Amino acid sequence: MAATSTSTAKRPEAPPGAPGPRETRRRVNWLPWLFLAPYLLLFGSFVLLPIALGLWISLHSWDFTLPGKPFVGLRNYSELLTPGTGEFERFWNAMQATGIFTAISVPLLIVIPLAVALVMNQRFRGRNLFRALFFAPYVLGVAVVGVVWRFLLDANIGVVNYLAGLVGLPDSTPWLTSIPETWIALIGVTVWWTLGFNAVIFLAGLQDISNDLYEAAKMDGAGAWVRFRHVTLPGLRPVVLFVVMITVIASANMFGQSWIMTRGGPGQETRTAIYYIVDTGLNQRAMGEAAAASWLLTLVLMLTSALLFAFARERGPEKGADR
């Protein structure tokens, strides 16, 4: 019976001076962090630091013109949340104005840009000009948009009322001094100004949907509405969620249009939450109350975002439905 021997394979010896296994594990590759350093520096300086500073200010009675800034804890938040205090009514009236503007403008900024994108996705002569005309207002600043439309909507010298009179409509509509005309003006101007951005995002989403799906639906006898409902909308689901999110956040932060066109009037009807924060912090020099209001607005937007994500997940594709 032959004896069998087993030989253990030896690991190749490392060259002299090479790091051992433990040293290799401990070594950190700093090159990626070196490339990330400029972004991390900017992100920390202009995002993280202001967030922390805003939270710190909200806990103080902070007047930037005075040397003393006493610590007050949660008093600023308590005044905003307790009925009967001086700031409670002003703040929640501003939140109500923000809610009105957001609730009306967001559906319009979803439906109208989607309709525009569906048209722009077709092939016809002058399509590029059509796209440019809808996107062009978005490149304008809010100051330009606000000043121009303030003159166009003026009840006495405005071109809008003049043109309305030419076609037999009322020519003295108080677009900027009466409710609900003021809301119609602010929402209409905002939709005109920003729909091009949402339309471009929807257009990119439409072009990402395979034509084979539409061809298969046509072969099955599906009409235009059925194709839109069962092919276009499911294909645009993540795009719609993204557009809804950024539109809600942008609408909740509306300030420039109200500041320039209506000065928050009539009365305080169009003073949004950002308007209240700017007025409280800069005009009244109560930075603590303004910072607290900013954090409450942030919490409301975070809750709204969580609800939107939960709704999208619930309405998403059924389990087991593979694409």
C-alpha atoms as a PDB file:
ATOM      1  CA  MET A   1       0.000   0.000   0.000  1.00  0.00           C
ATOM      2  CA  ALA A   2       1.590   3.213  -1.191  1.00  0.00           C
ATOM      3  CA  ALA A   3       1.919   5.976   1.293  1.00  0.00           C
ATOM      4  CA  THR A   4       0.361   9.239   0.324  1.00  0.00           C
ATOM      5  CA  SER A   5       1.749  12.544   1.453  1.00  0.00           C
ATOM      6  CA  THR A   6       0.086  15.906   1.344  1.00  0.00           C
ATOM      7  CA  SER A   7       2.069  19.030   0.810  1.00  0.00           C
ATOM      8  CA  THR A   8       0.850  22.353   1.979  1.00  0.00           C
ATOM      9  CA  ALA A   9       1.152  25.087  -0.618  1.00  0.00           C
ATOM     10  CA  LYS A  10       3.213  27.926   0.683  1.00  0.00           C
ATOM     11  CA  ARG A  11       2.032  31.509   0.196  1.00  0.00           C
ATOM     12  CA  PRO A  12       4.362  33.579  -1.927  1.00  0.00           C
ATOM     13  CA  GLU A  13       6.572  35.679   0.229  1.00  0.00           C
ATOM     14  CA  ALA A  14       5.989  39.416   0.083  1.00  0.00           C
ATOM     15  CA  PRO A  15       8.822  41.469  -1.314  1.00  0.00           C
ATOM     16  CA  PRO A  16      10.983  43.253   1.220  1.00  0.00           C
ATOM     17  CA  GLY A  17       9.456  46.524   2.442  1.00  0.00           C
ATOM     18  CA  ALA A  18       5.881  45.674   1.313  1.00  0.00           C
ATOM     19  CA  PRO A  19       3.100  46.294   3.891  1.00  0.00           C
ATOM     20  CA  GLY A  20       1.708  43.334   5.709  1.00  0.00           C
ATOM     21  CA  PRO A  21      -1.973  42.244   5.686  1.00  0.00           C
ATOM     22  CA  ARG A  22      -2.811  44.244   8.791  1.00  0.00           C
ATOM     23  CA  GLU A  23      -1.099  47.349   7.502  1.00  0.00           C
ATOM     24  CA  THR A  24      -2.981  47.005   4.200  1.00  0.00           C
ATOM     25  CA  ARG A  25      -6.314  46.872   6.019  1.00  0.00           C
ATOM     26  CA  ARG A  26      -5.462  49.922   8.060  1.00  0.00           C
ATOM     27  CA  ARG A  27      -4.361  51.990   5.086  1.00  0.00           C
ATOM     28  CA  VAL A  28      -6.980  54.546   4.020  1.00  0.00           C
ATOM     29  CA  ASN A  29      -7.250  55.764   0.478  1.00  0.00           C
ATOM     30  CA  TRP A  30      -7.448  59.528   0.851  1.00  0.00           C
ATOM     31  CA  LEU A  31      -7.717  60.277  -2.858  1.00  0.00           C
ATOM     32  CA  PRO A  32     -11.561  60.117  -3.038  1.00  0.00           C
ATOM     33  CA  TRP A  33     -11.817  62.383   0.009  1.00  0.00           C
ATOM     34  CA  LEU A  34      -9.435  64.806  -1.639  1.00  0.00           C
ATOM     35  CA  PHE A  35     -11.763  65.107  -4.621  1.00  0.00           C
ATOM     36  CA  LEU A  36     -14.795  65.410  -2.334  1.00  0.00           C
ATOM     37  CA  ALA A  37     -13.188  68.054  -0.134  1.00  0.00           C
ATOM     38  CA  PRO A  38     -14.342  71.135  -2.147  1.00  0.00           C
ATOM     39  CA  TYR A  39     -17.954  69.937  -2.164  1.00  0.00           C
ATOM     40  CA  LEU A  40     -17.875  68.929   1.514  1.00  0.00           C
ATOM     41  CA  LEU A  41     -16.419  72.321   2.411  1.00  0.00           C
ATOM     42  CA  LEU A  42     -19.138  74.187   0.523  1.00  0.00           C
ATOM     43  CA  PHE A  43     -21.888  71.869   1.785  1.00  0.00           C
ATOM     44  CA  GLY A  44     -20.758  72.270   5.366  1.00  0.00           C
ATOM     45  CA  SER A  45     -20.343  76.045   5.094  1.00  0.00           C
ATOM     46  CA  PHE A  46     -23.565  76.874   3.259  1.00  0.00           C
ATOM     47  CA  VAL A  47     -25.932  74.055   4.335  1.00  0.00           C
ATOM     48  CA  LEU A  48     -24.976  72.336   7.586  1.00  0.00           C
ATOM     49  CA  LEU A  49     -23.631  75.416   9.350  1.00  0.00           C
ATOM     50  CA  PRO A  50     -26.697  77.604   8.537  1.00  0.00           C
ATOM     51  CA  ILE A  51     -29.000  74.786   9.701  1.00  0.00           C
ATOM     52  CA  ALA A  52     -27.205  74.523  13.026  1.00  0.00           C
ATOM     53  CA  LEU A  53     -26.998  78.310  13.396  1.00  0.00           C
ATOM     54  CA  GLY A  54     -30.718  78.679  12.633  1.00  0.00           C
ATOM     55  CA  LEU A  55     -31.585  76.142  15.305  1.00  0.00           C
ATOM     56  CA  TRP A  56     -29.322  77.947  17.787  1.00  0.00           C
ATOM     57  CA  ILE A  57     -30.858  81.347  16.974  1.00  0.00           C
ATOM     58  CA  SER A  58     -34.381  79.962  17.408  1.00  0.00           C
ATOM     59  CA  LEU A  59     -33.550  79.239  21.044  1.00  0.00           C
ATOM     60  CA  HIS A  60     -32.581  82.857  21.771  1.00  0.00           C
ATOM     61  CA  SER A  61     -34.150  86.290  21.820  1.00  0.00           C
ATOM     62  CA  TRP A  62     -31.950  87.385  18.934  1.00  0.00           C
ATOM     63  CA  ASP A  63     -31.873  91.026  17.850  1.00  0.00           C
ATOM     64  CA  PHE A  64     -28.898  91.504  15.540  1.00  0.00           C
ATOM     65  CA  THR A  65     -28.682  95.222  16.452  1.00  0.00           C
ATOM     66  CA  LEU A  66     -28.176  94.525  20.168  1.00  0.00           C
ATOM     67  CA  PRO A  67     -25.152  92.917  21.851  1.00  0.00           C
ATOM     68  CA  GLY A  68     -27.161  90.779  24.273  1.00  0.00           C
ATOM     69  CA  LYS A  69     -28.951  87.716  22.923  1.00  0.00           C
ATOM     70  CA  PRO A  70     -30.409  85.895  25.942  1.00  0.00           C
ATOM     71  CA  PHE A  71     -31.241  82.214  25.834  1.00  0.00           C
ATOM     72  CA  VAL A  72     -35.028  81.630  26.004  1.00  0.00           C
ATOM     73  CA  GLY A  73     -35.262  77.920  25.259  1.00  0.00           C
ATOM     74  CA  LEU A  74     -38.482  76.929  23.518  1.00  0.00           C
ATOM     75  CA  ARG A  75     -40.303  80.193  24.207  1.00  0.00           C
ATOM     76  CA  ASN A  76     -40.206  81.272  20.550  1.00  0.00           C
ATOM     77  CA  TYR A  77     -41.830  77.987  19.496  1.00  0.00           C
ATOM     78  CA  SER A  78     -44.383  78.244  22.307  1.00  0.00           C
ATOM     79  CA  GLU A  79     -45.494  81.699  21.156  1.00  0.00           C
ATOM     80  CA  LEU A  80     -46.026  80.402  17.619  1.00  0.00           C
ATOM     81  CA  LEU A  81     -47.996  77.345  18.772  1.00  0.00           C
ATOM     82  CA  THR A  82     -50.039  78.753  21.666  1.00  0.00           C
ATOM     83  CA  PRO A  83     -53.380  80.395  20.755  1.00  0.00           C
ATOM     84  CA  GLY A  84     -53.789  83.900  22.112  1.00  0.00           C
ATOM     85  CA  THR A  85     -50.141  84.937  21.866  1.00  0.00           C
ATOM     86  CA  GLY A  86     -49.093  87.876  19.739  1.00  0.00           C
ATOM     87  CA  GLU A  87     -47.395  85.827  17.019  1.00  0.00           C
ATOM     88  CA  PHE A  88     -49.807  82.905  16.844  1.00  0.00           C
ATOM     89  CA  GLU A  89     -52.412  84.597  14.639  1.00  0.00           C
ATOM     90  CA  ARG A  90     -49.894  86.251  12.324  1.00  0.00           C
ATOM     91  CA  PHE A  91     -47.909  83.073  11.798  1.00  0.00           C
ATOM     92  CA  TRP A  92     -50.852  80.772  11.175  1.00  0.00           C
ATOM     93  CA  ASN A  93     -52.525  83.302   8.881  1.00  0.00           C
ATOM     94  CA  ALA A  94     -49.297  83.192   6.893  1.00  0.00           C
ATOM     95  CA  MET A  95     -49.345  79.394   6.931  1.00  0.00           C
ATOM     96  CA  GLN A  96     -52.953  79.488   5.739  1.00  0.00           C
ATOM     97  CA  ALA A  97     -51.999  81.768   2.858  1.00  0.00           C
ATOM     98  CA  THR A  98     -49.169  79.390   1.991  1.00  0.00           C
ATOM     99  CA  GLY A  99     -51.591  76.471   2.049  1.00  0.00           C
ATOM    100  CA  ILE A 100     -54.058  78.248  -0.248  1.00  0.00           C
ATOM    101  CA  PHE A 101     -51.356  79.103  -2.749  1.00  0.00           C
ATOM    102  CA  THR A 102     -49.853  75.596  -2.652  1.00  0.00           C
ATOM    103  CA  ALA A 103     -53.172  73.741  -2.850  1.00  0.00           C
ATOM    104  CA  ILE A 104     -54.244  75.638  -5.980  1.00  0.00           C
ATOM    105  CA  SER A 105     -50.957  76.132  -7.797  1.00  0.00           C
ATOM    106  CA  VAL A 106     -49.524  72.605  -7.467  1.00  0.00           C
ATOM    107  CA  PRO A 107     -52.327  70.796  -9.386  1.00  0.00           C
ATOM    108  CA  LEU A 108     -52.151  73.450 -12.114  1.00  0.00           C
ATOM    109  CA  LEU A 109     -48.367  73.093 -12.301  1.00  0.00           C
ATOM    110  CA  ILE A 110     -48.776  69.336 -12.761  1.00  0.00           C
ATOM    111  CA  VAL A 111     -51.673  69.158 -15.221  1.00  0.00           C
ATOM    112  CA  ILE A 112     -50.780  72.076 -17.505  1.00  0.00           C
ATOM    113  CA  PRO A 113     -47.059  71.230 -17.913  1.00  0.00           C
ATOM    114  CA  LEU A 114     -47.959  67.586 -18.547  1.00  0.00           C
ATOM    115  CA  ALA A 115     -50.392  68.648 -21.283  1.00  0.00           C
ATOM    116  CA  VAL A 116     -47.745  70.943 -22.762  1.00  0.00           C
ATOM    117  CA  ALA A 117     -45.174  68.135 -22.665  1.00  0.00           C
ATOM    118  CA  LEU A 118     -47.561  65.766 -24.446  1.00  0.00           C
ATOM    119  CA  VAL A 119     -47.941  68.316 -27.237  1.00  0.00           C
ATOM    120  CA  MET A 120     -44.221  69.060 -27.397  1.00  0.00           C
ATOM    121  CA  ASN A 121     -43.506  65.341 -27.656  1.00  0.00           C
ATOM    122  CA  GLN A 122     -45.323  65.191 -31.000  1.00  0.00           C
ATOM    123  CA  ARG A 123     -43.696  65.837 -34.355  1.00  0.00           C
ATOM    124  CA  PHE A 124     -44.884  69.012 -36.065  1.00  0.00           C
ATOM    125  CA  ARG A 125     -43.428  72.034 -37.799  1.00  0.00           C
ATOM    126  CA  GLY A 126     -42.166  74.700 -35.378  1.00  0.00           C
ATOM    127  CA  ARG A 127     -41.859  72.300 -32.461  1.00  0.00           C
ATOM    128  CA  ASN A 128     -38.566  73.781 -31.257  1.00  0.00           C
ATOM    129  CA  LEU A 129     -40.010  77.291 -31.311  1.00  0.00           C
ATOM    130  CA  PHE A 130     -43.015  76.039 -29.371  1.00  0.00           C
ATOM    131  CA  ARG A 131     -40.727  74.529 -26.723  1.00  0.00           C
ATOM    132  CA  ALA A 132     -38.672  77.714 -26.435  1.00  0.00           C
ATOM    133  CA  LEU A 133     -41.751  79.901 -25.984  1.00  0.00           C
ATOM    134  CA  PHE A 134     -42.970  77.867 -23.027  1.00  0.00           C
ATOM    135  CA  PHE A 135     -39.571  77.603 -21.350  1.00  0.00           C
ATOM    136  CA  ALA A 136     -38.448  81.207 -21.947  1.00  0.00           C
ATOM    137  CA  PRO A 137     -40.292  82.805 -18.973  1.00  0.00           C
ATOM    138  CA  TYR A 138     -38.540  80.476 -16.541  1.00  0.00           C
ATOM    139  CA  VAL A 139     -35.151  82.076 -17.210  1.00  0.00           C
ATOM    140  CA  LEU A 140     -36.451  85.428 -15.908  1.00  0.00           C
ATOM    141  CA  GLY A 141     -35.820  86.411 -12.322  1.00  0.00           C
ATOM    142  CA  VAL A 142     -38.659  86.845  -9.870  1.00  0.00           C
ATOM    143  CA  ALA A 143     -37.951  90.583  -9.662  1.00  0.00           C
ATOM    144  CA  VAL A 144     -38.439  91.001 -13.414  1.00  0.00           C
ATOM    145  CA  VAL A 145     -41.580  88.871 -13.455  1.00  0.00           C
ATOM    146  CA  GLY A 146     -43.078  90.642 -10.457  1.00  0.00           C
ATOM    147  CA  VAL A 147     -42.426  94.184 -11.673  1.00  0.00           C
ATOM    148  CA  VAL A 148     -43.655  93.505 -15.215  1.00  0.00           C
ATOM    149  CA  TRP A 149     -46.887  91.848 -14.111  1.00  0.00           C
ATOM    150  CA  ARG A 150     -47.484  94.476 -11.446  1.00  0.00           C
ATOM    151  CA  PHE A 151     -47.781  97.053 -14.210  1.00  0.00           C
ATOM    152  CA  LEU A 152     -49.681  94.753 -16.567  1.00  0.00           C
ATOM    153  CA  LEU A 153     -52.283  93.975 -13.880  1.00  0.00           C
ATOM    154  CA  ASP A 154     -52.654  97.508 -12.534  1.00  0.00           C
ATOM    155  CA  ALA A 155     -56.345  98.367 -12.233  1.00  0.00           C
ATOM    156  CA  ASN A 156     -55.909 101.812 -13.787  1.00  0.00           C
ATOM    157  CA  ILE A 157     -53.097 101.641 -16.323  1.00  0.00           C
ATOM    158  CA  GLY A 158     -52.685  97.898 -16.790  1.00  0.00           C
ATOM    159  CA  VAL A 159     -52.726  96.351 -20.233  1.00  0.00           C
ATOM    160  CA  VAL A 160     -54.726  93.344 -19.007  1.00  0.00           C
ATOM    161  CA  ASN A 161     -57.757  95.446 -18.068  1.00  0.00           C
ATOM    162  CA  TYR A 162     -57.401  97.457 -21.265  1.00  0.00           C
ATOM    163  CA  LEU A 163     -57.482  94.337 -23.431  1.00  0.00           C
ATOM    164  CA  ALA A 164     -60.363  92.949 -21.380  1.00  0.00           C
ATOM    165  CA  GLY A 165     -62.358  96.133 -22.103  1.00  0.00           C
ATOM    166  CA  LEU A 166     -61.725  95.770 -25.830  1.00  0.00           C
ATOM    167  CA  VAL A 167     -63.468  92.398 -25.876  1.00  0.00           C
ATOM    168  CA  GLY A 168     -66.362  93.468 -23.676  1.00  0.00           C
ATOM    169  CA  LEU A 169     -65.106  92.142 -20.333  1.00  0.00           C
ATOM    170  CA  PRO A 170     -64.854  94.223 -17.128  1.00  0.00           C
ATOM    171  CA  ASP A 171     -62.000  96.698 -17.534  1.00  0.00           C
ATOM    172  CA  SER A 172     -61.528  97.727 -13.892  1.00  0.00           C
ATOM    173  CA  THR A 173     -60.798  94.412 -12.165  1.00  0.00           C
ATOM    174  CA  PRO A 174     -58.720  95.005  -8.984  1.00  0.00           C
ATOM    175  CA  TRP A 175     -56.207  92.246  -9.686  1.00  0.00           C
ATOM    176  CA  LEU A 176     -53.779  93.318  -6.949  1.00  0.00           C
ATOM    177  CA  THR A 177     -56.010  94.839  -4.282  1.00  0.00           C
ATOM    178  CA  SER A 178     -58.956  92.496  -3.783  1.00  0.00           C
ATOM    179  CA  ILE A 179     -59.681  88.870  -2.910  1.00  0.00           C
ATOM    180  CA  PRO A 180     -60.006  86.484  -4.787  1.00  0.00           C
ATOM    181  CA  GLU A 181     -58.604  88.455  -7.726  1.00  0.00           C
ATOM    182  CA  THR A 182     -55.256  88.740  -5.966  1.00  0.00           C
ATOM    183  CA  TRP A 183     -54.921  84.975  -5.640  1.00  0.00           C
ATOM    184  CA  ILE A 184     -55.904  84.527  -9.287  1.00  0.00           C
ATOM    185  CA  ALA A 185     -53.191  86.987 -10.291  1.00  0.00           C
ATOM    186  CA  LEU A 186     -50.462  85.469  -8.111  1.00  0.00           C
ATOM    187  CA  ILE A 187     -51.241  81.885  -9.089  1.00  0.00           C
ATOM    188  CA  GLY A 188     -51.697  82.737 -12.761  1.00  0.00           C
ATOM    189  CA  VAL A 189     -48.382  84.583 -12.944  1.00  0.00           C
ATOM    190  CA  THR A 190     -46.591  81.762 -11.118  1.00  0.00           C
ATOM    191  CA  VAL A 191     -48.019  79.110 -13.445  1.00  0.00           C
ATOM    192  CA  TRP A 192     -47.078  81.177 -16.517  1.00  0.00           C
ATOM    193  CA  TRP A 193     -43.583  81.728 -15.143  1.00  0.00           C
ATOM    194  CA  THR A 194     -42.656  78.208 -13.999  1.00  0.00           C
ATOM    195  CA  LEU A 195     -44.644  75.728 -16.088  1.00  0.00           C
ATOM    196  CA  GLY A 196     -41.826  75.495 -18.649  1.00  0.00           C
ATOM    197  CA  PHE A 197     -39.489  73.875 -16.131  1.00  0.00           C
ATOM    198  CA  ASN A 198     -41.976  71.166 -15.196  1.00  0.00           C
ATOM    199  CA  ALA A 199     -42.865  70.667 -18.856  1.00  0.00           C
ATOM    200  CA  VAL A 200     -39.218  69.976 -19.721  1.00  0.00           C
ATOM    201  CA  ILE A 201     -38.989  67.370 -16.952  1.00  0.00           C
ATOM    202  CA  PHE A 202     -42.185  65.693 -18.151  1.00  0.00           C
ATOM    203  CA  LEU A 203     -40.894  65.782 -21.730  1.00  0.00           C
ATOM    204  CA  ALA A 204     -37.712  63.983 -20.695  1.00  0.00           C
ATOM    205  CA  GLY A 205     -39.832  61.361 -18.944  1.00  0.00           C
ATOM    206  CA  LEU A 206     -42.056  60.896 -21.991  1.00  0.00           C
ATOM    207  CA  GLN A 207     -39.076  60.375 -24.257  1.00  0.00           C
ATOM    208  CA  ASP A 208     -37.814  57.654 -21.917  1.00  0.00           C
ATOM    209  CA  ILE A 209     -40.957  55.547 -22.452  1.00  0.00           C
ATOM    210  CA  SER A 210     -40.405  52.905 -25.128  1.00  0.00           C
ATOM    211  CA  ASN A 211     -42.427  53.292 -28.333  1.00  0.00           C
ATOM    212  CA  ASP A 212     -42.850  49.524 -28.384  1.00  0.00           C
ATOM    213  CA  LEU A 213     -45.328  49.838 -25.511  1.00  0.00           C
ATOM    214  CA  TYR A 214     -47.454  52.274 -27.495  1.00  0.00           C
ATOM    215  CA  GLU A 215     -47.283  50.090 -30.600  1.00  0.00           C
ATOM    216  CA  ALA A 216     -48.347  47.036 -28.617  1.00  0.00           C
ATOM    217  CA  ALA A 217     -51.243  48.982 -27.102  1.00  0.00           C
ATOM    218  CA  LYS A 218     -52.359  50.124 -30.566  1.00  0.00           C
ATOM    219  CA  MET A 219     -52.277  46.564 -31.859  1.00  0.00           C
ATOM    220  CA  ASP A 220     -54.553  45.591 -28.950  1.00  0.00           C
ATOM    221  CA  GLY A 221     -57.003  48.286 -30.053  1.00  0.00           C
ATOM    222  CA  ALA A 222     -56.275  50.773 -27.253  1.00  0.00           C
ATOM    223  CA  GLY A 223     -57.357  54.328 -27.939  1.00  0.00           C
ATOM    224  CA  ALA A 224     -55.496  57.524 -27.044  1.00  0.00           C
ATOM    225  CA  TRP A 225     -57.002  57.787 -23.556  1.00  0.00           C
ATOM    226  CA  VAL A 226     -56.337  54.110 -22.748  1.00  0.00           C
ATOM    227  CA  ARG A 227     -52.723  54.456 -23.923  1.00  0.00           C
ATOM    228  CA  PHE A 228     -52.302  57.567 -21.782  1.00  0.00           C
ATOM    229  CA  ARG A 229     -53.794  55.884 -18.729  1.00  0.00           C
ATOM    230  CA  HIS A 230     -52.091  52.493 -18.972  1.00  0.00           C
ATOM    231  CA  VAL A 231     -48.797  53.338 -20.692  1.00  0.00           C
ATOM    232  CA  THR A 232     -47.943  57.014 -20.208  1.00  0.00           C
ATOM    233  CA  LEU A 233     -48.978  57.518 -16.596  1.00  0.00           C
ATOM    234  CA  PRO A 234     -47.323  54.320 -15.253  1.00  0.00           C
ATOM    235  CA  GLY A 235     -44.162  55.203 -17.155  1.00  0.00           C
ATOM    236  CA  LEU A 236     -44.188  58.698 -15.681  1.00  0.00           C
ATOM    237  CA  ARG A 237     -44.893  57.640 -12.076  1.00  0.00           C
ATOM    238  CA  PRO A 238     -41.407  58.439 -10.692  1.00  0.00           C
ATOM    239  CA  VAL A 239     -41.260  61.642 -12.742  1.00  0.00           C
ATOM    240  CA  VAL A 240     -44.660  62.762 -11.457  1.00  0.00           C
ATOM    241  CA  LEU A 241     -43.585  62.111  -7.869  1.00  0.00           C
ATOM    242  CA  PHE A 242     -40.425  64.153  -8.394  1.00  0.00           C
ATOM    243  CA  VAL A 243     -42.304  67.045 -10.010  1.00  0.00           C
ATOM    244  CA  VAL A 244     -44.935  67.035  -7.265  1.00  0.00           C
ATOM    245  CA  MET A 245     -42.245  67.148  -4.589  1.00  0.00           C
ATOM    246  CA  ILE A 246     -40.255  70.039  -6.048  1.00  0.00           C
ATOM    247  CA  THR A 247     -43.427  71.946  -6.910  1.00  0.00           C
ATOM    248  CA  VAL A 248     -44.832  71.620  -3.396  1.00  0.00           C
ATOM    249  CA  ILE A 249     -41.552  72.824  -1.900  1.00  0.00           C
ATOM    250  CA  ALA A 250     -41.270  75.726  -4.355  1.00  0.00           C
ATOM    251  CA  SER A 251     -44.894  76.778  -3.824  1.00  0.00           C
ATOM    252  CA  ALA A 252     -44.555  76.614  -0.043  1.00  0.00           C
ATOM    253  CA  ASN A 253     -41.552  78.937  -0.334  1.00  0.00           C
ATOM    254  CA  MET A 254     -43.349  81.542  -2.454  1.00  0.00           C
ATOM    255  CA  PHE A 255     -42.276  85.027  -1.474  1.00  0.00           C
ATOM    256  CA  GLY A 256     -41.086  87.221  -4.340  1.00  0.00           C
ATOM    257  CA  GLN A 257     -44.366  87.407  -6.235  1.00  0.00           C
ATOM    258  CA  SER A 258     -46.312  88.430  -3.138  1.00  0.00           C
ATOM    259  CA  TRP A 259     -43.661  90.889  -1.976  1.00  0.00           C
ATOM    260  CA  ILE A 260     -43.388  92.691  -5.311  1.00  0.00           C
ATOM    261  CA  MET A 261     -46.912  92.480  -6.704  1.00  0.00           C
ATOM    262  CA  THR A 262     -49.217  92.819  -3.681  1.00  0.00           C
ATOM    263  CA  ARG A 263     -47.018  93.686  -0.682  1.00  0.00           C
ATOM    264  CA  GLY A 264     -48.873  90.956   1.161  1.00  0.00           C
ATOM    265  CA  GLY A 265     -52.228  92.649   0.648  1.00  0.00           C
ATOM    266  CA  PRO A 266     -55.024  93.226   0.713  1.00  0.00           C
ATOM    267  CA  GLY A 267     -54.481  93.408   4.449  1.00  0.00           C
ATOM    268  CA  GLN A 268     -52.358  90.347   5.190  1.00  0.00           C
ATOM    269  CA  GLU A 269     -54.253  87.916   2.969  1.00  0.00           C
ATOM    270  CA  THR A 270     -51.302  87.082   0.696  1.00  0.00           C
ATOM    271  CA  ARG A 271     -48.553  87.170   3.327  1.00  0.00           C
ATOM    272  CA  THR A 272     -47.083  83.700   3.002  1.00  0.00           C
ATOM    273  CA  ALA A 273     -44.920  81.916   5.568  1.00  0.00           C
ATOM    274  CA  ILE A 274     -41.678  83.104   3.962  1.00  0.00           C
ATOM    275  CA  TYR A 275     -43.106  86.642   3.854  1.00  0.00           C
ATOM    276  CA  TYR A 276     -43.807  86.398   7.594  1.00  0.00           C
ATOM    277  CA  ILE A 277     -40.301  85.070   8.287  1.00  0.00           C
ATOM    278  CA  VAL A 278     -38.613  87.850   6.305  1.00  0.00           C
ATOM    279  CA  ASP A 279     -40.765  90.551   7.863  1.00  0.00           C
ATOM    280  CA  THR A 280     -40.293  89.236  11.407  1.00  0.00           C
ATOM    281  CA  GLY A 281     -36.574  88.639  11.119  1.00  0.00           C
ATOM    282  CA  LEU A 282     -35.435  91.661   9.121  1.00  0.00           C
ATOM    283  CA  ASN A 283     -38.042  94.382   9.617  1.00  0.00           C
ATOM    284  CA  GLN A 284     -38.897  93.632  13.258  1.00  0.00           C
ATOM    285  CA  ARG A 285     -35.380  92.329  14.021  1.00  0.00           C
ATOM    286  CA  ALA A 286     -36.819  89.330  15.880  1.00  0.00           C
ATOM    287  CA  MET A 287     -34.501  86.708  14.436  1.00  0.00           C
ATOM    288  CA  GLY A 288     -35.320  84.163  17.139  1.00  0.00           C
ATOM    289  CA  GLU A 289     -39.026  84.108  16.255  1.00  0.00           C
ATOM    290  CA  ALA A 290     -38.197  84.060  12.527  1.00  0.00           C
ATOM    291  CA  ALA A 291     -35.820  81.101  12.952  1.00  0.00           C
ATOM    292  CA  ALA A 292     -38.429  79.211  14.973  1.00  0.00           C
ATOM    293  CA  ALA A 293     -41.022  79.851  12.259  1.00  0.00           C
ATOM    294  CA  SER A 294     -38.540  78.583   9.668  1.00  0.00           C
ATOM    295  CA  TRP A 295     -38.103  75.329  11.564  1.00  0.00           C
ATOM    296  CA  LEU A 296     -41.857  74.862  11.928  1.00  0.00           C
ATOM    297  CA  LEU A 297     -42.287  75.407   8.182  1.00  0.00           C
ATOM    298  CA  THR A 298     -39.491  72.901   7.566  1.00  0.00           C
ATOM    299  CA  LEU A 299     -41.184  70.312   9.759  1.00  0.00           C
ATOM    300  CA  VAL A 300     -44.476  70.805   7.892  1.00  0.00           C
ATOM    301  CA  LEU A 301     -42.711  70.316   4.546  1.00  0.00           C
ATOM    302  CA  MET A 302     -40.923  67.207   5.839  1.00  0.00           C
ATOM    303  CA  LEU A 303     -44.238  65.754   7.001  1.00  0.00           C
ATOM    304  CA  THR A 304     -45.844  66.591   3.655  1.00  0.00           C
ATOM    305  CA  SER A 305     -42.963  64.931   1.802  1.00  0.00           C
ATOM    306  CA  ALA A 306     -43.268  61.805   3.943  1.00  0.00           C
ATOM    307  CA  LEU A 307     -47.016  61.617   3.251  1.00  0.00           C
ATOM    308  CA  LEU A 308     -46.432  62.009  -0.493  1.00  0.00           C
ATOM    309  CA  PHE A 309     -43.847  59.215  -0.491  1.00  0.00           C
ATOM    310  CA  ALA A 310     -46.152  56.986   1.543  1.00  0.00           C
ATOM    311  CA  PHE A 311     -49.027  57.667  -0.862  1.00  0.00           C
ATOM    312  CA  ALA A 312     -46.815  56.959  -3.876  1.00  0.00           C
ATOM    313  CA  ARG A 313     -45.601  53.705  -2.335  1.00  0.00           C
ATOM    314  CA  GLU A 314     -49.162  52.630  -1.550  1.00  0.00           C
ATOM    315  CA  ARG A 315     -50.355  53.439  -5.061  1.00  0.00           C
ATOM    316  CA  GLY A 316     -47.285  51.886  -6.677  1.00  0.00           C
ATOM    317  CA  PRO A 317     -47.144  48.678  -8.718  1.00  0.00           C
ATOM    318  CA  GLU A 318     -48.579  45.632  -7.019  1.00  0.00           C
ATOM    319  CA  LYS A 319     -46.204  43.150  -5.505  1.00  0.00           C
ATOM    320  CA  GLY A 320     -45.107  40.480  -7.883  1.00  0.00           C
ATOM    321  CA  ALA A 321     -45.793  42.542 -10.968  1.00  0.00           C
ATOM    322  CA  ASP A 322     -42.457  42.430 -12.705  1.00  0.00           C
ATOM    323  CA  ARG A 323     -41.727  44.688 -15.626  1.00  0.00           C
END
